[in-house]
């Protein structure tokens, strides 16, 4: 089930209240730390905006023939 804007708002409200438990995506979730809550909020916001969370960068080596 995808995240909704309401999920982000509930989590944002829980962070503002200083609680470590919130309802996200229809499930009651207990977080270990504020950092974990913020990371989850970023993931939800990225998902809502269509950005890939935890994305990585691919790079290819450039070589020469040594001439």
C-alpha atoms as a PDB file:
ATOM      1  CA  UNK A   1       0.000   0.000   0.000  1.00  0.00           C
ATOM      2  CA  UNK A   2       1.543   3.345  -0.977  1.00  0.00           C
ATOM      3  CA  UNK A   3       2.051   6.182   1.480  1.00  0.00           C
ATOM      4  CA  UNK A   4      -0.407   9.056   1.629  1.00  0.00           C
ATOM      5  CA  UNK A   5      -0.073  12.713   2.524  1.00  0.00           C
ATOM      6  CA  UNK A   6      -2.040  11.903   5.707  1.00  0.00           C
ATOM      7  CA  UNK A   7       0.715   9.441   6.727  1.00  0.00           C
ATOM      8  CA  UNK A   8       3.301  12.205   6.398  1.00  0.00           C
ATOM      9  CA  UNK A   9       1.132  14.619   8.400  1.00  0.00           C
ATOM     10  CA  UNK A  10       0.559  12.101  11.218  1.00  0.00           C
ATOM     11  CA  UNK A  11       4.273  11.385  11.447  1.00  0.00           C
ATOM     12  CA  UNK A  12       5.125  15.092  11.345  1.00  0.00           C
ATOM     13  CA  UNK A  13       2.620  15.684  14.196  1.00  0.00           C
ATOM     14  CA  UNK A  14       4.143  12.855  16.237  1.00  0.00           C
ATOM     15  CA  UNK A  15       7.609  14.373  15.792  1.00  0.00           C
ATOM     16  CA  UNK A  16       6.281  17.771  16.890  1.00  0.00           C
ATOM     17  CA  UNK A  17       4.683  16.237  20.006  1.00  0.00           C
ATOM     18  CA  UNK A  18       7.871  14.362  20.876  1.00  0.00           C
ATOM     19  CA  UNK A  19       6.243  10.934  20.937  1.00  0.00           C
ATOM     20  CA  UNK A  20       7.962   7.808  19.679  1.00  0.00           C
ATOM     21  CA  UNK A  21       4.881   6.055  18.327  1.00  0.00           C
ATOM     22  CA  UNK A  22       2.732   6.920  15.321  1.00  0.00           C
ATOM     23  CA  UNK A  23       0.303   5.394  12.859  1.00  0.00           C
ATOM     24  CA  UNK A  24       1.947   5.132   9.443  1.00  0.00           C
ATOM     25  CA  UNK A  25       0.287   3.531   6.434  1.00  0.00           C
ATOM     26  CA  UNK A  26      -2.477   2.119   8.637  1.00  0.00           C
ATOM     27  CA  UNK A  27      -0.107   0.429  11.102  1.00  0.00           C
ATOM     28  CA  UNK A  28       0.988   1.460  14.580  1.00  0.00           C
ATOM     29  CA  UNK A  29       4.767   1.952  14.493  1.00  0.00           C
ATOM     30  CA  UNK A  30       7.129   2.498  17.416  1.00  0.00           C
ATOM     31  CA  UNK A  31      10.364   4.297  16.548  1.00  0.00           C
ATOM     32  CA  UNK A  32      13.653   3.931  18.398  1.00  0.00           C
ATOM     33  CA  UNK A  33      14.792   7.508  17.949  1.00  0.00           C
ATOM     34  CA  UNK A  34      13.943  10.919  16.581  1.00  0.00           C
ATOM     35  CA  UNK A  35      16.520  10.334  13.829  1.00  0.00           C
ATOM     36  CA  UNK A  36      14.659   7.194  12.738  1.00  0.00           C
ATOM     37  CA  UNK A  37      11.363   9.125  12.652  1.00  0.00           C
ATOM     38  CA  UNK A  38      12.910  11.875  10.520  1.00  0.00           C
ATOM     39  CA  UNK A  39      14.439   9.299   8.181  1.00  0.00           C
ATOM     40  CA  UNK A  40      11.040   7.640   7.760  1.00  0.00           C
ATOM     41  CA  UNK A  41       9.389  11.022   7.138  1.00  0.00           C
ATOM     42  CA  UNK A  42      11.981  11.785   4.451  1.00  0.00           C
ATOM     43  CA  UNK A  43      11.307   8.401   2.861  1.00  0.00           C
ATOM     44  CA  UNK A  44       7.539   9.068   2.811  1.00  0.00           C
ATOM     45  CA  UNK A  45       8.008  12.567   1.377  1.00  0.00           C
ATOM     46  CA  UNK A  46      10.378  11.232  -1.296  1.00  0.00           C
ATOM     47  CA  UNK A  47       7.833   8.553  -2.193  1.00  0.00           C
ATOM     48  CA  UNK A  48       5.031  11.122  -2.443  1.00  0.00           C
ATOM     49  CA  UNK A  49       7.191  13.378  -4.621  1.00  0.00           C
ATOM     50  CA  UNK A  50       8.127  10.484  -6.908  1.00  0.00           C
ATOM     51  CA  UNK A  51      11.789  10.537  -5.937  1.00  0.00           C
ATOM     52  CA  UNK A  52      13.704   7.368  -5.224  1.00  0.00           C
ATOM     53  CA  UNK A  53      14.706   7.215  -1.584  1.00  0.00           C
ATOM     54  CA  UNK A  54      18.058   5.704  -0.773  1.00  0.00           C
ATOM     55  CA  UNK A  55      19.088   6.220  -4.334  1.00  0.00           C
ATOM     56  CA  UNK A  56      22.627   5.568  -5.396  1.00  0.00           C
ATOM     57  CA  UNK A  57      24.916   6.896  -8.051  1.00  0.00           C
ATOM     58  CA  UNK A  58      26.457   4.768 -10.770  1.00  0.00           C
ATOM     59  CA  UNK A  59      29.779   5.788 -12.243  1.00  0.00           C
ATOM     60  CA  UNK A  60      31.850   4.121 -14.914  1.00  0.00           C
ATOM     61  CA  UNK A  61      35.637   4.180 -15.020  1.00  0.00           C
ATOM     62  CA  UNK A  62      37.346   6.002 -17.867  1.00  0.00           C
ATOM     63  CA  UNK A  63      40.444   4.482 -19.281  1.00  0.00           C
ATOM     64  CA  UNK A  64      42.892   5.332 -22.017  1.00  0.00           C
ATOM     65  CA  UNK A  65      44.940   3.144 -24.239  1.00  0.00           C
ATOM     66  CA  UNK A  66      48.098   4.540 -22.751  1.00  0.00           C
ATOM     67  CA  UNK A  67      49.312   6.096 -25.997  1.00  0.00           C
END
